[in-house]
Amino acid sequence: MFIFAAPQPSLDPGAVSCWASPLAGHPASAPFSPPCSPSLPRMTKSGAGSCYWRLILLASQCLSWLRRWALAAFLAVTPFHDKMITIASTLGLVSMFYITVFVFKSRLHLMKILSIACLLASYVCNYIYFTRRHVEVLPISQKIALAITIVWILSLQYLTAITDF
């Protein structure tokens, strides 16, 4: 007996749905059945890769990423600030550039304009920061670049489909 088992196609005939709780008949598991990531392998009837272990794996991966970003954020408020800004800017602009390349291969014309605006705003912020010219407008340009980047990322996430690319 399972708490919730959505019908899902599987290549493995012995696979059980990820949403199925291994302790479904147990009274302690009735109020809570933890969801598992659909990207992780499915649980089999033998019990290998149970839902709880996958949940623990997912949580540890999230904590690992959080730890890395926390370290980078912490180093940005130490004497290593300039080096962290250089590393973060380089990685951010490279990733934006490659996403823009894929956007330009699509038919999403508004996304193309938004991608160019996002790249230009980020380049302007980096130019002002590293050359120290017009530093008085840097805080405003950073806020504008952040707003454009947020709109760009949300647009890529919610207004496009995988078939667009």
N, C-alpha and C. Protein backbone atom coordinates (compact mmCIF):
# COMPACT_ATOMS: atom_id res chain seq x y z
N MET A 1 0.85 -1.18 0.00
CA MET A 1 0.00 0.00 0.00
C MET A 1 0.89 1.23 0.00
N PHE A 2 0.60 2.17 -0.92
CA PHE A 2 1.39 3.38 -1.04
C PHE A 2 0.52 4.58 -0.68
N ILE A 3 1.15 5.61 -0.12
CA ILE A 3 0.41 6.84 0.19
C ILE A 3 0.01 7.53 -1.10
N PHE A 4 0.97 7.69 -2.03
CA PHE A 4 0.67 8.30 -3.31
C PHE A 4 1.61 7.71 -4.34
N ALA A 5 1.08 7.16 -5.37
CA ALA A 5 1.91 6.60 -6.44
C ALA A 5 1.33 7.05 -7.77
N ALA A 6 1.94 8.08 -8.35
CA ALA A 6 1.48 8.58 -9.64
C ALA A 6 1.94 7.65 -10.73
N PRO A 7 1.09 7.37 -11.69
CA PRO A 7 1.52 6.49 -12.78
C PRO A 7 2.57 7.19 -13.63
N GLN A 8 3.76 6.60 -13.69
CA GLN A 8 4.85 7.17 -14.46
C GLN A 8 5.46 6.06 -15.30
N PRO A 9 5.80 6.39 -16.56
CA PRO A 9 6.45 5.37 -17.38
C PRO A 9 7.85 5.10 -16.86
N SER A 10 8.26 3.87 -16.93
CA SER A 10 9.57 3.50 -16.43
C SER A 10 10.21 2.48 -17.36
N LEU A 11 11.52 2.57 -17.49
CA LEU A 11 12.23 1.58 -18.29
C LEU A 11 12.42 0.30 -17.50
N ASP A 12 12.44 0.41 -16.19
CA ASP A 12 12.63 -0.73 -15.30
C ASP A 12 11.26 -1.24 -14.88
N PRO A 13 10.87 -2.45 -15.24
CA PRO A 13 9.53 -2.93 -14.87
C PRO A 13 9.36 -3.12 -13.37
N GLY A 14 10.46 -3.21 -12.60
CA GLY A 14 10.36 -3.38 -11.16
C GLY A 14 10.43 -2.07 -10.41
N ALA A 15 10.44 -0.94 -11.13
CA ALA A 15 10.58 0.36 -10.47
C ALA A 15 9.27 0.79 -9.84
N VAL A 16 9.37 1.49 -8.72
CA VAL A 16 8.23 2.02 -8.00
C VAL A 16 8.32 3.53 -8.07
N SER A 17 7.21 4.19 -8.07
CA SER A 17 7.20 5.64 -8.17
C SER A 17 8.02 6.28 -7.06
N CYS A 18 8.61 7.41 -7.39
CA CYS A 18 9.43 8.14 -6.44
C CYS A 18 8.59 8.64 -5.26
N TRP A 19 7.33 8.94 -5.51
CA TRP A 19 6.48 9.48 -4.46
C TRP A 19 5.96 8.40 -3.52
N ALA A 20 6.25 7.18 -3.80
CA ALA A 20 5.77 6.10 -2.96
C ALA A 20 6.64 6.00 -1.72
N SER A 21 6.03 6.01 -0.59
CA SER A 21 6.77 5.93 0.66
C SER A 21 7.10 4.48 0.98
N PRO A 22 8.36 4.18 1.33
CA PRO A 22 8.69 2.80 1.65
C PRO A 22 8.04 2.32 2.95
N LEU A 23 7.56 3.26 3.77
CA LEU A 23 6.92 2.91 5.03
C LEU A 23 5.44 3.25 4.98
N ALA A 24 4.81 3.07 3.83
CA ALA A 24 3.45 3.56 3.64
C ALA A 24 2.44 2.97 4.61
N GLY A 25 2.60 1.74 5.02
CA GLY A 25 1.64 1.15 5.94
C GLY A 25 1.93 1.49 7.39
N HIS A 26 3.05 2.10 7.66
CA HIS A 26 3.48 2.41 9.02
C HIS A 26 2.75 3.65 9.52
N PRO A 27 2.21 3.62 10.77
CA PRO A 27 1.44 4.77 11.26
C PRO A 27 2.27 6.04 11.38
N ALA A 28 3.57 5.92 11.65
CA ALA A 28 4.39 7.12 11.83
C ALA A 28 4.61 7.85 10.51
N SER A 29 4.47 7.15 9.39
CA SER A 29 4.72 7.79 8.10
C SER A 29 3.45 8.36 7.47
N ALA A 30 2.32 8.17 8.09
CA ALA A 30 1.07 8.61 7.49
C ALA A 30 0.98 10.12 7.28
N PRO A 31 1.36 10.98 8.26
CA PRO A 31 1.18 12.40 8.00
C PRO A 31 2.21 12.98 7.04
N PHE A 32 3.35 12.31 6.83
CA PHE A 32 4.39 12.90 6.01
C PHE A 32 5.00 11.85 5.10
N SER A 33 4.96 12.13 3.82
CA SER A 33 5.64 11.29 2.85
C SER A 33 6.56 12.19 2.05
N PRO A 34 7.88 12.11 2.26
CA PRO A 34 8.78 13.09 1.66
C PRO A 34 8.85 12.94 0.14
N PRO A 35 8.78 14.07 -0.55
CA PRO A 35 8.95 14.01 -2.00
C PRO A 35 10.40 13.81 -2.36
N CYS A 36 10.64 13.20 -3.49
CA CYS A 36 12.00 12.99 -3.96
C CYS A 36 12.18 13.71 -5.28
N SER A 37 13.41 14.00 -5.58
CA SER A 37 13.71 14.68 -6.82
C SER A 37 13.48 13.75 -8.00
N PRO A 38 12.74 14.20 -9.01
CA PRO A 38 12.51 13.34 -10.16
C PRO A 38 13.79 13.12 -10.98
N SER A 39 14.81 13.94 -10.76
CA SER A 39 16.04 13.78 -11.53
C SER A 39 16.91 12.65 -11.00
N LEU A 40 16.64 12.19 -9.80
CA LEU A 40 17.42 11.11 -9.22
C LEU A 40 16.83 9.78 -9.65
N PRO A 41 17.59 8.70 -9.65
CA PRO A 41 17.06 7.41 -10.07
C PRO A 41 15.91 6.95 -9.20
N ARG A 42 15.02 6.19 -9.78
CA ARG A 42 13.84 5.73 -9.04
C ARG A 42 14.16 4.60 -8.09
N MET A 43 13.31 4.48 -7.10
CA MET A 43 13.45 3.41 -6.11
C MET A 43 12.99 2.09 -6.73
N THR A 44 13.70 1.04 -6.46
CA THR A 44 13.30 -0.27 -6.95
C THR A 44 12.63 -1.04 -5.82
N LYS A 45 12.00 -2.15 -6.16
CA LYS A 45 11.33 -2.94 -5.14
C LYS A 45 12.30 -3.54 -4.14
N SER A 46 13.56 -3.68 -4.53
CA SER A 46 14.54 -4.25 -3.59
C SER A 46 14.89 -3.27 -2.48
N GLY A 47 14.49 -2.01 -2.62
CA GLY A 47 14.74 -1.03 -1.56
C GLY A 47 15.99 -0.21 -1.80
N ALA A 48 16.77 -0.54 -2.83
CA ALA A 48 17.98 0.23 -3.11
C ALA A 48 17.58 1.60 -3.61
N GLY A 49 18.21 2.61 -3.08
CA GLY A 49 17.91 3.98 -3.48
C GLY A 49 16.57 4.44 -2.96
N SER A 50 16.30 4.22 -1.69
CA SER A 50 15.00 4.59 -1.16
C SER A 50 14.80 6.10 -1.20
N CYS A 51 13.57 6.49 -1.08
CA CYS A 51 13.19 7.88 -1.16
C CYS A 51 13.89 8.71 -0.09
N TYR A 52 14.04 8.18 1.10
CA TYR A 52 14.67 8.92 2.18
C TYR A 52 16.15 9.16 1.90
N TRP A 53 16.84 8.18 1.33
CA TRP A 53 18.26 8.36 1.02
C TRP A 53 18.42 9.39 -0.08
N ARG A 54 17.52 9.39 -1.05
CA ARG A 54 17.60 10.38 -2.11
C ARG A 54 17.31 11.78 -1.57
N LEU A 55 16.42 11.88 -0.60
CA LEU A 55 16.14 13.16 0.01
C LEU A 55 17.37 13.66 0.77
N ILE A 56 18.05 12.76 1.46
CA ILE A 56 19.28 13.12 2.17
C ILE A 56 20.35 13.54 1.17
N LEU A 57 20.47 12.82 0.06
CA LEU A 57 21.44 13.16 -0.97
C LEU A 57 21.15 14.54 -1.55
N LEU A 58 19.90 14.82 -1.83
CA LEU A 58 19.51 16.11 -2.38
C LEU A 58 19.82 17.23 -1.39
N ALA A 59 19.51 17.01 -0.11
CA ALA A 59 19.80 18.02 0.91
C ALA A 59 21.30 18.25 1.04
N SER A 60 22.10 17.20 0.98
CA SER A 60 23.54 17.39 1.10
C SER A 60 24.11 18.12 -0.11
N GLN A 61 23.54 17.87 -1.30
CA GLN A 61 23.99 18.61 -2.48
C GLN A 61 23.65 20.09 -2.35
N CYS A 62 22.46 20.38 -1.85
CA CYS A 62 22.07 21.78 -1.67
C CYS A 62 22.97 22.46 -0.64
N LEU A 63 23.26 21.79 0.46
CA LEU A 63 24.15 22.35 1.47
C LEU A 63 25.56 22.55 0.93
N SER A 64 26.00 21.66 0.07
CA SER A 64 27.32 21.80 -0.53
C SER A 64 27.39 23.07 -1.38
N TRP A 65 26.36 23.29 -2.22
CA TRP A 65 26.34 24.50 -3.01
C TRP A 65 26.24 25.74 -2.13
N LEU A 66 25.41 25.67 -1.09
CA LEU A 66 25.26 26.80 -0.19
C LEU A 66 26.58 27.12 0.49
N ARG A 67 27.32 26.09 0.88
CA ARG A 67 28.61 26.29 1.54
C ARG A 67 29.58 26.98 0.59
N ARG A 68 29.59 26.55 -0.67
CA ARG A 68 30.50 27.17 -1.64
C ARG A 68 30.16 28.64 -1.86
N TRP A 69 28.87 28.92 -2.04
CA TRP A 69 28.48 30.31 -2.26
C TRP A 69 28.67 31.14 -1.00
N ALA A 70 28.46 30.55 0.17
CA ALA A 70 28.69 31.28 1.41
C ALA A 70 30.16 31.63 1.56
N LEU A 71 31.04 30.73 1.17
CA LEU A 71 32.47 31.01 1.21
C LEU A 71 32.81 32.15 0.26
N ALA A 72 32.24 32.11 -0.96
CA ALA A 72 32.50 33.18 -1.92
C ALA A 72 31.95 34.51 -1.42
N ALA A 73 30.76 34.49 -0.82
CA ALA A 73 30.17 35.72 -0.29
C ALA A 73 30.98 36.23 0.90
N PHE A 74 31.48 35.32 1.72
CA PHE A 74 32.29 35.73 2.86
C PHE A 74 33.59 36.36 2.39
N LEU A 75 34.22 35.78 1.38
CA LEU A 75 35.49 36.32 0.89
C LEU A 75 35.30 37.69 0.25
N ALA A 76 34.09 38.04 -0.17
CA ALA A 76 33.83 39.34 -0.78
C ALA A 76 33.85 40.47 0.24
N VAL A 77 33.77 40.16 1.54
CA VAL A 77 33.81 41.21 2.57
C VAL A 77 35.11 41.15 3.37
N THR A 78 36.13 40.54 2.80
CA THR A 78 37.46 40.46 3.40
C THR A 78 38.43 41.21 2.50
N PRO A 79 39.70 41.21 2.82
CA PRO A 79 40.67 41.85 1.91
C PRO A 79 40.74 41.21 0.52
N PHE A 80 40.09 40.06 0.32
CA PHE A 80 40.06 39.40 -0.99
C PHE A 80 38.91 39.89 -1.86
N HIS A 81 38.30 41.01 -1.51
CA HIS A 81 37.13 41.53 -2.21
C HIS A 81 37.39 41.71 -3.70
N ASP A 82 38.48 42.36 -4.05
CA ASP A 82 38.75 42.63 -5.46
C ASP A 82 38.94 41.34 -6.26
N LYS A 83 39.60 40.36 -5.66
CA LYS A 83 39.80 39.08 -6.36
C LYS A 83 38.47 38.35 -6.53
N MET A 84 37.62 38.39 -5.52
CA MET A 84 36.32 37.72 -5.62
C MET A 84 35.42 38.41 -6.65
N ILE A 85 35.48 39.74 -6.73
CA ILE A 85 34.69 40.46 -7.73
C ILE A 85 35.17 40.08 -9.13
N THR A 86 36.49 39.96 -9.30
CA THR A 86 37.04 39.56 -10.60
C THR A 86 36.58 38.15 -10.98
N ILE A 87 36.67 37.22 -10.04
CA ILE A 87 36.26 35.84 -10.31
C ILE A 87 34.76 35.76 -10.59
N ALA A 88 33.95 36.39 -9.75
CA ALA A 88 32.50 36.34 -9.92
C ALA A 88 32.06 37.02 -11.22
N SER A 89 32.68 38.15 -11.54
CA SER A 89 32.33 38.84 -12.78
C SER A 89 32.70 38.02 -14.00
N THR A 90 33.88 37.42 -13.97
CA THR A 90 34.32 36.61 -15.10
C THR A 90 33.39 35.42 -15.32
N LEU A 91 33.12 34.69 -14.25
CA LEU A 91 32.24 33.52 -14.38
C LEU A 91 30.83 33.92 -14.78
N GLY A 92 30.33 35.00 -14.21
CA GLY A 92 28.98 35.46 -14.54
C GLY A 92 28.86 35.91 -15.99
N LEU A 93 29.84 36.68 -16.47
CA LEU A 93 29.78 37.16 -17.85
C LEU A 93 29.99 36.04 -18.86
N VAL A 94 30.85 35.08 -18.54
CA VAL A 94 31.03 33.94 -19.44
C VAL A 94 29.74 33.13 -19.54
N SER A 95 29.10 32.88 -18.40
CA SER A 95 27.84 32.12 -18.44
C SER A 95 26.75 32.90 -19.17
N MET A 96 26.66 34.21 -18.95
CA MET A 96 25.68 35.02 -19.67
C MET A 96 25.95 35.00 -21.17
N PHE A 97 27.23 35.05 -21.54
CA PHE A 97 27.57 35.04 -22.96
C PHE A 97 27.13 33.74 -23.62
N TYR A 98 27.39 32.61 -22.99
CA TYR A 98 27.02 31.33 -23.61
C TYR A 98 25.51 31.13 -23.65
N ILE A 99 24.81 31.62 -22.64
CA ILE A 99 23.34 31.56 -22.70
C ILE A 99 22.83 32.44 -23.83
N THR A 100 23.47 33.61 -24.00
CA THR A 100 23.08 34.52 -25.09
C THR A 100 23.31 33.88 -26.45
N VAL A 101 24.39 33.11 -26.60
CA VAL A 101 24.64 32.42 -27.86
C VAL A 101 23.49 31.47 -28.18
N PHE A 102 23.03 30.72 -27.18
CA PHE A 102 21.90 29.81 -27.41
C PHE A 102 20.61 30.57 -27.69
N VAL A 103 20.43 31.71 -27.03
CA VAL A 103 19.24 32.52 -27.29
C VAL A 103 19.27 33.04 -28.73
N PHE A 104 20.44 33.44 -29.21
CA PHE A 104 20.55 33.94 -30.57
C PHE A 104 20.32 32.87 -31.62
N LYS A 105 20.48 31.62 -31.27
CA LYS A 105 20.20 30.53 -32.21
C LYS A 105 18.70 30.22 -32.27
N SER A 106 17.92 30.80 -31.36
CA SER A 106 16.48 30.55 -31.33
C SER A 106 15.75 31.64 -32.10
N ARG A 107 14.43 31.55 -32.09
CA ARG A 107 13.59 32.56 -32.75
C ARG A 107 12.97 33.52 -31.74
N LEU A 108 13.50 33.58 -30.56
CA LEU A 108 12.96 34.43 -29.50
C LEU A 108 13.56 35.83 -29.61
N HIS A 109 12.92 36.70 -30.38
CA HIS A 109 13.49 38.01 -30.67
C HIS A 109 13.51 38.92 -29.44
N LEU A 110 12.48 38.87 -28.62
CA LEU A 110 12.48 39.69 -27.41
C LEU A 110 13.57 39.23 -26.44
N MET A 111 13.79 37.92 -26.39
CA MET A 111 14.86 37.39 -25.53
C MET A 111 16.24 37.82 -26.03
N LYS A 112 16.38 37.95 -27.33
CA LYS A 112 17.65 38.40 -27.88
C LYS A 112 17.95 39.83 -27.42
N ILE A 113 16.95 40.67 -27.47
CA ILE A 113 17.12 42.06 -27.02
C ILE A 113 17.41 42.10 -25.53
N LEU A 114 16.68 41.31 -24.77
CA LEU A 114 16.89 41.27 -23.32
C LEU A 114 18.27 40.70 -22.97
N SER A 115 18.75 39.74 -23.74
CA SER A 115 20.08 39.17 -23.50
C SER A 115 21.17 40.21 -23.75
N ILE A 116 21.02 40.97 -24.82
CA ILE A 116 21.99 42.03 -25.12
C ILE A 116 21.96 43.10 -24.04
N ALA A 117 20.76 43.47 -23.58
CA ALA A 117 20.64 44.47 -22.51
C ALA A 117 21.29 43.98 -21.22
N CYS A 118 21.09 42.72 -20.92
CA CYS A 118 21.69 42.14 -19.71
C CYS A 118 23.21 42.14 -19.79
N LEU A 119 23.74 41.70 -20.93
CA LEU A 119 25.19 41.70 -21.10
C LEU A 119 25.77 43.12 -21.05
N LEU A 120 25.12 44.05 -21.74
CA LEU A 120 25.61 45.43 -21.75
C LEU A 120 25.59 46.05 -20.36
N ALA A 121 24.52 45.82 -19.62
CA ALA A 121 24.44 46.37 -18.27
C ALA A 121 25.54 45.79 -17.38
N SER A 122 25.80 44.51 -17.51
CA SER A 122 26.85 43.89 -16.71
C SER A 122 28.23 44.37 -17.12
N TYR A 123 28.44 44.53 -18.43
CA TYR A 123 29.73 45.05 -18.91
C TYR A 123 29.95 46.49 -18.46
N VAL A 124 28.90 47.30 -18.47
CA VAL A 124 29.03 48.68 -18.01
C VAL A 124 29.40 48.73 -16.53
N CYS A 125 28.76 47.89 -15.72
CA CYS A 125 29.10 47.84 -14.29
C CYS A 125 30.55 47.42 -14.09
N ASN A 126 30.99 46.42 -14.82
CA ASN A 126 32.38 45.98 -14.70
C ASN A 126 33.35 47.05 -15.17
N TYR A 127 33.02 47.73 -16.25
CA TYR A 127 33.88 48.80 -16.76
C TYR A 127 34.03 49.90 -15.72
N ILE A 128 32.91 50.33 -15.15
CA ILE A 128 32.96 51.39 -14.13
C ILE A 128 33.75 50.93 -12.92
N TYR A 129 33.54 49.70 -12.48
CA TYR A 129 34.22 49.20 -11.28
C TYR A 129 35.73 49.08 -11.49
N PHE A 130 36.14 48.49 -12.61
CA PHE A 130 37.56 48.21 -12.79
C PHE A 130 38.36 49.41 -13.29
N THR A 131 37.73 50.35 -13.98
CA THR A 131 38.46 51.54 -14.44
C THR A 131 38.37 52.69 -13.45
N ARG A 132 37.44 52.62 -12.54
CA ARG A 132 37.21 53.68 -11.53
C ARG A 132 36.78 55.01 -12.16
N ARG A 133 36.21 54.94 -13.36
CA ARG A 133 35.66 56.14 -13.99
C ARG A 133 34.18 56.19 -13.68
N HIS A 134 33.69 57.34 -13.36
CA HIS A 134 32.27 57.57 -13.05
C HIS A 134 31.79 56.64 -11.93
N VAL A 135 32.58 56.51 -10.90
CA VAL A 135 32.25 55.62 -9.78
C VAL A 135 30.98 56.08 -9.06
N GLU A 136 30.66 57.35 -9.19
CA GLU A 136 29.47 57.86 -8.50
C GLU A 136 28.17 57.26 -9.04
N VAL A 137 28.17 56.77 -10.27
CA VAL A 137 26.96 56.16 -10.83
C VAL A 137 26.98 54.63 -10.69
N LEU A 138 28.04 54.07 -10.11
CA LEU A 138 28.14 52.62 -9.98
C LEU A 138 27.01 51.99 -9.18
N PRO A 139 26.63 52.54 -8.01
CA PRO A 139 25.52 51.90 -7.28
C PRO A 139 24.20 51.85 -8.06
N ILE A 140 23.92 52.91 -8.79
CA ILE A 140 22.68 52.94 -9.57
C ILE A 140 22.78 51.95 -10.75
N SER A 141 23.93 51.93 -11.41
CA SER A 141 24.08 51.01 -12.54
C SER A 141 24.07 49.55 -12.07
N GLN A 142 24.57 49.28 -10.90
CA GLN A 142 24.50 47.91 -10.36
C GLN A 142 23.06 47.49 -10.10
N LYS A 143 22.27 48.39 -9.57
CA LYS A 143 20.86 48.08 -9.32
C LYS A 143 20.10 47.85 -10.63
N ILE A 144 20.40 48.67 -11.63
CA ILE A 144 19.76 48.49 -12.94
C ILE A 144 20.18 47.16 -13.55
N ALA A 145 21.48 46.84 -13.47
CA ALA A 145 21.97 45.57 -14.02
C ALA A 145 21.36 44.38 -13.29
N LEU A 146 21.20 44.48 -11.99
CA LEU A 146 20.59 43.40 -11.22
C LEU A 146 19.13 43.22 -11.63
N ALA A 147 18.40 44.32 -11.79
CA ALA A 147 16.99 44.23 -12.19
C ALA A 147 16.86 43.61 -13.59
N ILE A 148 17.71 44.02 -14.52
CA ILE A 148 17.65 43.47 -15.88
C ILE A 148 18.00 41.98 -15.85
N THR A 149 19.01 41.61 -15.05
CA THR A 149 19.41 40.21 -14.97
C THR A 149 18.31 39.35 -14.37
N ILE A 150 17.65 39.85 -13.35
CA ILE A 150 16.55 39.10 -12.74
C ILE A 150 15.41 38.91 -13.74
N VAL A 151 15.06 39.96 -14.46
CA VAL A 151 14.00 39.85 -15.47
C VAL A 151 14.42 38.86 -16.55
N TRP A 152 15.68 38.91 -16.97
CA TRP A 152 16.19 38.00 -18.00
C TRP A 152 16.13 36.54 -17.56
N ILE A 153 16.59 36.28 -16.34
CA ILE A 153 16.58 34.91 -15.83
C ILE A 153 15.16 34.39 -15.68
N LEU A 154 14.28 35.20 -15.10
CA LEU A 154 12.89 34.77 -14.93
C LEU A 154 12.21 34.58 -16.29
N SER A 155 12.54 35.42 -17.25
CA SER A 155 11.97 35.26 -18.59
C SER A 155 12.45 33.97 -19.24
N LEU A 156 13.73 33.67 -19.08
CA LEU A 156 14.25 32.42 -19.63
C LEU A 156 13.59 31.21 -18.97
N GLN A 157 13.33 31.32 -17.69
CA GLN A 157 12.75 30.20 -16.96
C GLN A 157 11.28 29.99 -17.29
N TYR A 158 10.50 31.07 -17.30
CA TYR A 158 9.05 30.92 -17.37
C TYR A 158 8.44 31.26 -18.73
N LEU A 159 9.16 31.92 -19.62
CA LEU A 159 8.57 32.30 -20.89
C LEU A 159 9.15 31.53 -22.07
N THR A 160 10.02 30.57 -21.80
CA THR A 160 10.58 29.76 -22.87
C THR A 160 10.34 28.29 -22.59
N ALA A 161 10.49 27.50 -23.64
CA ALA A 161 10.38 26.04 -23.52
C ALA A 161 11.63 25.43 -24.11
N ILE A 162 11.88 24.20 -23.81
CA ILE A 162 13.06 23.52 -24.33
C ILE A 162 13.01 23.40 -25.84
N THR A 163 11.80 23.37 -26.40
CA THR A 163 11.67 23.28 -27.85
C THR A 163 12.05 24.59 -28.55
N ASP A 164 12.13 25.70 -27.81
CA ASP A 164 12.53 26.98 -28.40
C ASP A 164 14.00 26.98 -28.79
N PHE A 165 14.76 26.12 -28.15
CA PHE A 165 16.20 26.10 -28.40
C PHE A 165 16.56 24.91 -29.23
